[in-house]
């Protein structure tokens, strides 16, 4: 199976110059766990619920004063829609991420998540061992500073 067969095409984006409070509200409004950060129309990073908790709420920062660009995860690891789900799982494992924006010819066309892989695994379409490793949660959060 290919990434395009299971990816979500409805990607929620936020401008890098927005504040974290705007990001949290957008996630809540759209019912998503991550936002793709864009600048001048180009995807440059990702911000997740975990980023909000560990990089802002767990620190003495005011979410209305911290910019999305200050806490987003970069570099942005991406995949193309024509790559296989096994390749997506390999990238998730390699980079220890649970979401990969899907980019074709420089254009953001979707996102694939560990949940998408789990659903595909339920259909017995993939190498079970590799996919199970990709969807497993990692116990050690990524290292970061308050503003990187």
N, C-alpha and C. Protein backbone atom coordinates (compact mmCIF):
# COMPACT_ATOMS: atom_id res chain seq x y z
N UNK A 1 0.84 -1.19 0.00
CA UNK A 1 0.00 0.00 0.00
C UNK A 1 0.87 1.24 0.00
N UNK A 2 0.32 2.29 -0.54
CA UNK A 2 1.03 3.57 -0.62
C UNK A 2 0.49 4.53 0.44
N UNK A 3 1.29 5.53 0.75
CA UNK A 3 0.90 6.56 1.70
C UNK A 3 -0.41 7.21 1.28
N UNK A 4 -0.55 7.48 -0.02
CA UNK A 4 -1.75 8.16 -0.52
C UNK A 4 -3.03 7.36 -0.27
N UNK A 5 -2.90 6.05 -0.04
CA UNK A 5 -4.06 5.20 0.20
C UNK A 5 -4.66 5.38 1.60
N UNK A 6 -3.87 5.87 2.54
CA UNK A 6 -4.36 5.98 3.92
C UNK A 6 -4.18 7.36 4.55
N UNK A 7 -3.46 8.25 3.90
CA UNK A 7 -3.19 9.57 4.49
C UNK A 7 -4.47 10.39 4.59
N UNK A 8 -4.43 11.36 5.49
CA UNK A 8 -5.51 12.34 5.60
C UNK A 8 -5.15 13.52 4.71
N UNK A 9 -6.09 13.95 3.92
CA UNK A 9 -5.85 15.10 3.04
C UNK A 9 -6.22 16.42 3.72
N UNK A 10 -6.92 16.33 4.82
CA UNK A 10 -7.34 17.52 5.56
C UNK A 10 -6.28 17.89 6.59
N UNK A 11 -5.29 18.65 6.17
CA UNK A 11 -4.21 19.06 7.05
C UNK A 11 -4.53 20.44 7.61
N UNK A 12 -4.43 20.56 8.92
CA UNK A 12 -4.69 21.85 9.56
C UNK A 12 -3.35 22.55 9.72
N UNK A 13 -3.28 23.78 9.22
CA UNK A 13 -2.03 24.54 9.22
C UNK A 13 -2.17 25.79 10.10
N UNK A 14 -1.03 26.29 10.54
CA UNK A 14 -0.98 27.54 11.28
C UNK A 14 0.26 28.31 10.87
N UNK A 15 0.14 29.60 10.80
CA UNK A 15 1.28 30.45 10.46
C UNK A 15 2.28 30.48 11.61
N UNK A 16 3.55 30.51 11.28
CA UNK A 16 4.63 30.47 12.27
C UNK A 16 4.59 31.65 13.23
N UNK A 17 4.03 32.78 12.80
CA UNK A 17 4.02 33.98 13.64
C UNK A 17 2.82 34.07 14.58
N UNK A 18 1.97 33.04 14.59
CA UNK A 18 0.84 33.00 15.53
C UNK A 18 1.34 32.57 16.90
N UNK A 19 0.57 32.89 17.94
CA UNK A 19 1.01 32.49 19.27
C UNK A 19 0.47 31.10 19.62
N UNK A 20 1.02 30.53 20.65
CA UNK A 20 0.70 29.17 21.07
C UNK A 20 -0.75 29.05 21.52
N UNK A 21 -1.30 30.09 22.11
CA UNK A 21 -2.70 30.07 22.51
C UNK A 21 -3.60 29.91 21.28
N UNK A 22 -3.27 30.62 20.20
CA UNK A 22 -4.01 30.45 18.93
C UNK A 22 -3.91 29.01 18.44
N UNK A 23 -2.72 28.43 18.56
CA UNK A 23 -2.51 27.05 18.11
C UNK A 23 -3.37 26.08 18.92
N UNK A 24 -3.38 26.24 20.24
CA UNK A 24 -4.17 25.36 21.10
C UNK A 24 -5.66 25.48 20.78
N UNK A 25 -6.10 26.69 20.56
CA UNK A 25 -7.52 26.90 20.22
C UNK A 25 -7.86 26.28 18.87
N UNK A 26 -6.96 26.40 17.90
CA UNK A 26 -7.20 25.81 16.59
C UNK A 26 -7.24 24.29 16.67
N UNK A 27 -6.33 23.70 17.44
CA UNK A 27 -6.34 22.25 17.62
C UNK A 27 -7.66 21.80 18.23
N UNK A 28 -8.11 22.52 19.24
CA UNK A 28 -9.36 22.18 19.90
C UNK A 28 -10.55 22.32 18.96
N UNK A 29 -10.58 23.42 18.24
CA UNK A 29 -11.68 23.68 17.30
C UNK A 29 -11.76 22.63 16.20
N UNK A 30 -10.61 22.22 15.67
CA UNK A 30 -10.56 21.27 14.56
C UNK A 30 -10.50 19.81 15.02
N UNK A 31 -10.30 19.61 16.32
CA UNK A 31 -10.22 18.24 16.84
C UNK A 31 -9.02 17.47 16.36
N UNK A 32 -7.86 18.15 16.28
CA UNK A 32 -6.64 17.51 15.82
C UNK A 32 -5.56 17.56 16.89
N UNK A 33 -4.59 16.68 16.78
CA UNK A 33 -3.50 16.62 17.75
C UNK A 33 -2.23 17.29 17.29
N UNK A 34 -2.24 17.83 16.06
CA UNK A 34 -1.05 18.53 15.58
C UNK A 34 -1.45 19.54 14.51
N UNK A 35 -0.57 20.49 14.32
CA UNK A 35 -0.72 21.49 13.27
C UNK A 35 0.58 21.55 12.48
N UNK A 36 0.45 21.72 11.18
CA UNK A 36 1.63 21.94 10.36
C UNK A 36 1.89 23.45 10.35
N UNK A 37 3.11 23.82 10.67
CA UNK A 37 3.49 25.23 10.73
C UNK A 37 3.97 25.67 9.36
N UNK A 38 3.41 26.78 8.88
CA UNK A 38 3.75 27.28 7.56
C UNK A 38 4.25 28.72 7.65
N UNK A 39 5.08 29.06 6.69
CA UNK A 39 5.56 30.42 6.52
C UNK A 39 5.64 30.68 5.03
N UNK A 40 5.00 31.75 4.60
CA UNK A 40 4.92 32.07 3.17
C UNK A 40 4.39 30.89 2.36
N UNK A 41 3.44 30.15 2.94
CA UNK A 41 2.81 29.04 2.25
C UNK A 41 3.59 27.74 2.25
N UNK A 42 4.80 27.75 2.82
CA UNK A 42 5.63 26.55 2.83
C UNK A 42 5.65 25.92 4.22
N UNK A 43 5.50 24.58 4.27
CA UNK A 43 5.55 23.86 5.54
C UNK A 43 6.97 23.88 6.08
N UNK A 44 7.11 24.36 7.35
CA UNK A 44 8.45 24.50 7.94
C UNK A 44 8.61 23.77 9.26
N UNK A 45 7.51 23.30 9.84
CA UNK A 45 7.59 22.63 11.14
C UNK A 45 6.27 22.01 11.51
N UNK A 46 6.24 21.44 12.71
CA UNK A 46 5.02 20.82 13.22
C UNK A 46 4.93 21.13 14.71
N UNK A 47 3.72 21.32 15.19
CA UNK A 47 3.48 21.54 16.61
C UNK A 47 2.41 20.54 17.04
N UNK A 48 2.68 19.85 18.14
CA UNK A 48 1.78 18.81 18.62
C UNK A 48 1.24 19.17 20.00
N UNK A 49 0.24 18.42 20.44
CA UNK A 49 -0.28 18.62 21.80
C UNK A 49 0.83 18.42 22.82
N UNK A 50 1.69 17.46 22.57
CA UNK A 50 2.80 17.20 23.48
C UNK A 50 3.74 18.42 23.57
N UNK A 51 3.97 19.06 22.42
CA UNK A 51 4.79 20.27 22.42
C UNK A 51 4.17 21.34 23.32
N UNK A 52 2.85 21.50 23.22
CA UNK A 52 2.16 22.50 24.03
C UNK A 52 2.33 22.22 25.51
N UNK A 53 2.20 20.97 25.88
CA UNK A 53 2.30 20.60 27.29
C UNK A 53 3.74 20.72 27.78
N UNK A 54 4.67 20.09 27.08
CA UNK A 54 6.04 20.02 27.59
C UNK A 54 6.87 21.28 27.37
N UNK A 55 6.55 22.04 26.35
CA UNK A 55 7.38 23.20 26.03
C UNK A 55 6.77 24.53 26.47
N UNK A 56 5.51 24.51 26.87
CA UNK A 56 4.87 25.76 27.29
C UNK A 56 4.21 25.61 28.65
N UNK A 57 3.24 24.71 28.76
CA UNK A 57 2.47 24.59 30.00
C UNK A 57 3.32 24.11 31.18
N UNK A 58 4.30 23.26 30.93
CA UNK A 58 5.15 22.76 32.00
C UNK A 58 6.22 23.78 32.39
N UNK A 59 6.31 24.85 31.66
CA UNK A 59 7.28 25.91 31.92
C UNK A 59 6.52 27.17 32.33
N UNK A 60 7.22 28.15 32.88
CA UNK A 60 6.53 29.38 33.28
C UNK A 60 6.34 30.38 32.13
N UNK A 61 5.70 29.90 31.04
CA UNK A 61 5.51 30.76 29.88
C UNK A 61 4.04 31.10 29.70
N UNK A 62 3.78 32.27 29.20
CA UNK A 62 2.42 32.71 28.87
C UNK A 62 2.12 32.29 27.44
N UNK A 63 1.17 31.39 27.22
CA UNK A 63 0.87 30.89 25.87
C UNK A 63 0.48 31.98 24.88
N UNK A 64 0.01 33.10 25.38
CA UNK A 64 -0.36 34.18 24.46
C UNK A 64 0.85 34.98 24.00
N UNK A 65 2.01 34.72 24.62
CA UNK A 65 3.23 35.47 24.27
C UNK A 65 4.31 34.62 23.62
N UNK A 66 4.09 33.31 23.58
CA UNK A 66 5.06 32.41 22.95
C UNK A 66 4.59 32.13 21.53
N UNK A 67 5.49 32.30 20.58
CA UNK A 67 5.14 32.07 19.17
C UNK A 67 5.25 30.59 18.81
N UNK A 68 4.42 30.19 17.89
CA UNK A 68 4.46 28.82 17.37
C UNK A 68 5.87 28.49 16.87
N UNK A 69 6.50 29.43 16.19
CA UNK A 69 7.84 29.19 15.65
C UNK A 69 8.88 28.94 16.74
N UNK A 70 8.60 29.38 17.98
CA UNK A 70 9.53 29.18 19.08
C UNK A 70 9.51 27.76 19.63
N UNK A 71 8.41 27.05 19.45
CA UNK A 71 8.31 25.70 20.03
C UNK A 71 8.06 24.60 19.02
N UNK A 72 7.91 24.97 17.75
CA UNK A 72 7.64 23.94 16.74
C UNK A 72 8.83 23.00 16.61
N UNK A 73 8.54 21.79 16.17
CA UNK A 73 9.60 20.81 15.94
C UNK A 73 10.12 20.97 14.52
N UNK A 74 11.41 21.07 14.42
CA UNK A 74 12.08 21.15 13.12
C UNK A 74 13.35 20.31 13.23
N UNK A 75 13.89 19.80 12.17
CA UNK A 75 13.37 19.91 10.82
C UNK A 75 12.09 19.10 10.66
N UNK A 76 11.36 19.41 9.62
CA UNK A 76 10.12 18.72 9.33
C UNK A 76 10.43 17.49 8.49
N UNK A 77 10.19 16.31 9.04
CA UNK A 77 10.42 15.07 8.31
C UNK A 77 9.17 14.78 7.49
N UNK A 78 9.34 14.60 6.18
CA UNK A 78 8.20 14.41 5.28
C UNK A 78 8.35 13.13 4.48
N UNK A 79 7.28 12.80 3.78
CA UNK A 79 7.25 11.63 2.91
C UNK A 79 6.41 12.01 1.70
N UNK A 80 6.60 11.31 0.60
CA UNK A 80 5.77 11.57 -0.58
C UNK A 80 4.60 10.59 -0.60
N UNK A 81 3.56 10.96 -1.30
CA UNK A 81 2.35 10.14 -1.33
C UNK A 81 2.56 8.81 -2.06
N UNK A 82 3.59 8.73 -2.90
CA UNK A 82 3.84 7.50 -3.65
C UNK A 82 4.73 6.50 -2.92
N UNK A 83 5.24 6.88 -1.75
CA UNK A 83 6.05 5.94 -0.98
C UNK A 83 5.14 4.94 -0.28
N UNK A 84 5.73 3.83 0.14
CA UNK A 84 4.94 2.77 0.75
C UNK A 84 4.70 3.04 2.24
N UNK A 85 3.73 2.32 2.78
CA UNK A 85 3.46 2.44 4.21
C UNK A 85 4.62 1.89 5.04
N UNK A 86 5.30 0.88 4.52
CA UNK A 86 6.48 0.38 5.21
C UNK A 86 7.57 1.44 5.26
N UNK A 87 7.72 2.21 4.19
CA UNK A 87 8.70 3.31 4.20
C UNK A 87 8.29 4.37 5.21
N UNK A 88 6.99 4.64 5.32
CA UNK A 88 6.51 5.61 6.32
C UNK A 88 6.85 5.11 7.72
N UNK A 89 6.62 3.84 7.97
CA UNK A 89 6.92 3.26 9.28
C UNK A 89 8.42 3.35 9.57
N UNK A 90 9.24 3.07 8.57
CA UNK A 90 10.70 3.16 8.75
C UNK A 90 11.12 4.58 9.11
N UNK A 91 10.55 5.58 8.43
CA UNK A 91 10.88 6.97 8.74
C UNK A 91 10.41 7.37 10.13
N UNK A 92 9.22 6.93 10.53
CA UNK A 92 8.73 7.23 11.88
C UNK A 92 9.65 6.64 12.93
N UNK A 93 10.11 5.43 12.69
CA UNK A 93 11.04 4.79 13.62
C UNK A 93 12.38 5.52 13.64
N UNK A 94 12.90 5.80 12.49
CA UNK A 94 14.21 6.45 12.37
C UNK A 94 14.23 7.79 13.08
N UNK A 95 13.18 8.60 12.87
CA UNK A 95 13.16 9.96 13.41
C UNK A 95 12.37 10.07 14.72
N UNK A 96 11.82 8.93 15.19
CA UNK A 96 11.05 8.88 16.43
C UNK A 96 9.91 9.91 16.43
N UNK A 97 9.13 9.86 15.35
CA UNK A 97 7.96 10.73 15.22
C UNK A 97 6.73 9.87 14.98
N UNK A 98 5.57 10.43 15.24
CA UNK A 98 4.32 9.71 15.06
C UNK A 98 3.49 10.28 13.91
N UNK A 99 4.01 11.33 13.27
CA UNK A 99 3.29 11.97 12.18
C UNK A 99 4.28 12.40 11.10
N UNK A 100 3.89 12.20 9.85
CA UNK A 100 4.72 12.64 8.73
C UNK A 100 3.85 13.44 7.76
N UNK A 101 4.16 14.71 7.57
CA UNK A 101 3.47 15.46 6.52
C UNK A 101 3.80 14.84 5.17
N UNK A 102 2.83 14.84 4.29
CA UNK A 102 3.00 14.26 2.96
C UNK A 102 3.18 15.42 1.98
N UNK A 103 4.33 15.42 1.32
CA UNK A 103 4.69 16.52 0.42
C UNK A 103 5.03 15.95 -0.95
N UNK A 104 4.35 16.46 -1.96
CA UNK A 104 4.62 16.08 -3.35
C UNK A 104 5.04 17.32 -4.12
N UNK A 105 6.22 17.27 -4.73
CA UNK A 105 6.75 18.38 -5.52
C UNK A 105 6.69 19.70 -4.75
N UNK A 106 7.05 19.65 -3.46
CA UNK A 106 7.11 20.84 -2.64
C UNK A 106 5.78 21.33 -2.11
N UNK A 107 4.70 20.60 -2.39
CA UNK A 107 3.36 21.01 -1.95
C UNK A 107 2.84 20.05 -0.89
N UNK A 108 2.37 20.60 0.23
CA UNK A 108 1.78 19.80 1.29
C UNK A 108 0.44 19.25 0.81
N UNK A 109 0.32 17.91 0.75
CA UNK A 109 -0.90 17.29 0.23
C UNK A 109 -1.63 16.44 1.26
N UNK A 110 -1.02 16.22 2.42
CA UNK A 110 -1.67 15.40 3.43
C UNK A 110 -0.77 15.16 4.62
N UNK A 111 -1.22 14.25 5.47
CA UNK A 111 -0.44 13.83 6.63
C UNK A 111 -0.75 12.37 6.91
N UNK A 112 0.27 11.63 7.31
CA UNK A 112 0.07 10.23 7.70
C UNK A 112 0.54 10.10 9.14
N UNK A 113 -0.24 9.39 9.95
CA UNK A 113 0.06 9.26 11.37
C UNK A 113 0.25 7.79 11.74
N UNK A 114 0.77 7.58 12.94
CA UNK A 114 0.91 6.22 13.45
C UNK A 114 -0.46 5.55 13.55
N UNK A 115 -1.49 6.33 13.81
CA UNK A 115 -2.85 5.77 13.85
C UNK A 115 -3.25 5.25 12.47
N UNK A 116 -2.89 5.98 11.43
CA UNK A 116 -3.17 5.51 10.07
C UNK A 116 -2.48 4.18 9.81
N UNK A 117 -1.24 4.05 10.29
CA UNK A 117 -0.51 2.80 10.13
C UNK A 117 -1.18 1.68 10.92
N UNK A 118 -1.64 2.00 12.13
CA UNK A 118 -2.32 1.00 12.93
C UNK A 118 -3.59 0.51 12.24
N UNK A 119 -4.32 1.43 11.63
CA UNK A 119 -5.53 1.04 10.90
C UNK A 119 -5.18 0.16 9.70
N UNK A 120 -4.09 0.50 9.02
CA UNK A 120 -3.67 -0.32 7.89
C UNK A 120 -3.23 -1.70 8.37
N UNK A 121 -2.56 -1.73 9.52
CA UNK A 121 -2.13 -3.01 10.09
C UNK A 121 -3.34 -3.88 10.42
N UNK A 122 -4.40 -3.24 10.87
CA UNK A 122 -5.62 -4.00 11.16
C UNK A 122 -6.13 -4.69 9.91
N UNK A 123 -5.81 -4.14 8.76
CA UNK A 123 -6.20 -4.75 7.49
C UNK A 123 -5.15 -5.73 6.98
N UNK A 124 -4.09 -5.97 7.80
CA UNK A 124 -3.04 -6.93 7.46
C UNK A 124 -2.31 -6.58 6.17
N UNK A 125 -2.09 -5.29 5.94
CA UNK A 125 -1.46 -4.87 4.70
C UNK A 125 0.05 -4.66 4.84
N UNK A 126 0.57 -4.70 6.04
CA UNK A 126 1.96 -4.31 6.24
C UNK A 126 2.76 -5.34 7.04
N UNK A 127 4.06 -5.12 7.10
CA UNK A 127 4.95 -5.90 7.94
C UNK A 127 4.62 -5.57 9.39
N UNK A 128 4.02 -6.51 10.10
CA UNK A 128 3.50 -6.25 11.43
C UNK A 128 4.56 -5.78 12.42
N UNK A 129 5.72 -6.39 12.43
CA UNK A 129 6.75 -6.03 13.38
C UNK A 129 7.20 -4.58 13.21
N UNK A 130 7.45 -4.18 11.99
CA UNK A 130 7.90 -2.82 11.71
C UNK A 130 6.84 -1.80 12.11
N UNK A 131 5.59 -2.06 11.76
CA UNK A 131 4.52 -1.13 12.07
C UNK A 131 4.29 -1.03 13.57
N UNK A 132 4.33 -2.15 14.27
CA UNK A 132 4.14 -2.11 15.72
C UNK A 132 5.23 -1.26 16.38
N UNK A 133 6.44 -1.35 15.89
CA UNK A 133 7.51 -0.52 16.43
C UNK A 133 7.25 0.96 16.16
N UNK A 134 6.73 1.28 14.98
CA UNK A 134 6.49 2.68 14.61
C UNK A 134 5.35 3.30 15.41
N UNK A 135 4.36 2.49 15.79
CA UNK A 135 3.24 3.06 16.52
C UNK A 135 3.43 3.04 18.03
N UNK A 136 4.49 2.36 18.50
CA UNK A 136 4.77 2.32 19.93
C UNK A 136 5.19 3.72 20.40
N UNK A 137 4.76 4.07 21.59
CA UNK A 137 5.15 5.36 22.14
C UNK A 137 6.58 5.28 22.68
N UNK A 138 7.28 6.39 22.57
CA UNK A 138 8.64 6.45 23.09
C UNK A 138 8.59 7.05 24.48
N UNK A 139 9.35 6.47 25.41
CA UNK A 139 9.28 6.93 26.79
C UNK A 139 10.08 8.19 27.02
N UNK A 140 11.09 8.45 26.23
CA UNK A 140 11.93 9.63 26.44
C UNK A 140 11.51 10.72 25.46
N UNK A 141 11.05 11.87 25.98
CA UNK A 141 10.66 12.96 25.08
C UNK A 141 11.90 13.56 24.40
N UNK A 142 11.72 14.19 23.24
CA UNK A 142 12.87 14.79 22.56
C UNK A 142 13.45 15.93 23.38
N UNK A 143 14.75 16.14 23.24
CA UNK A 143 15.39 17.23 23.97
C UNK A 143 15.08 18.55 23.28
N UNK A 144 14.91 19.60 24.07
CA UNK A 144 14.59 20.90 23.53
C UNK A 144 14.92 21.96 24.56
N UNK A 145 14.97 23.17 24.12
CA UNK A 145 15.12 24.30 25.01
C UNK A 145 13.81 25.07 24.99
N UNK A 146 13.67 26.05 25.87
CA UNK A 146 12.41 26.79 25.90
C UNK A 146 12.14 27.53 24.60
N UNK A 147 13.21 27.98 23.93
CA UNK A 147 13.07 28.65 22.63
C UNK A 147 14.19 28.17 21.75
N UNK A 148 13.85 27.33 20.79
CA UNK A 148 14.92 26.89 19.90
C UNK A 148 14.61 27.26 18.50
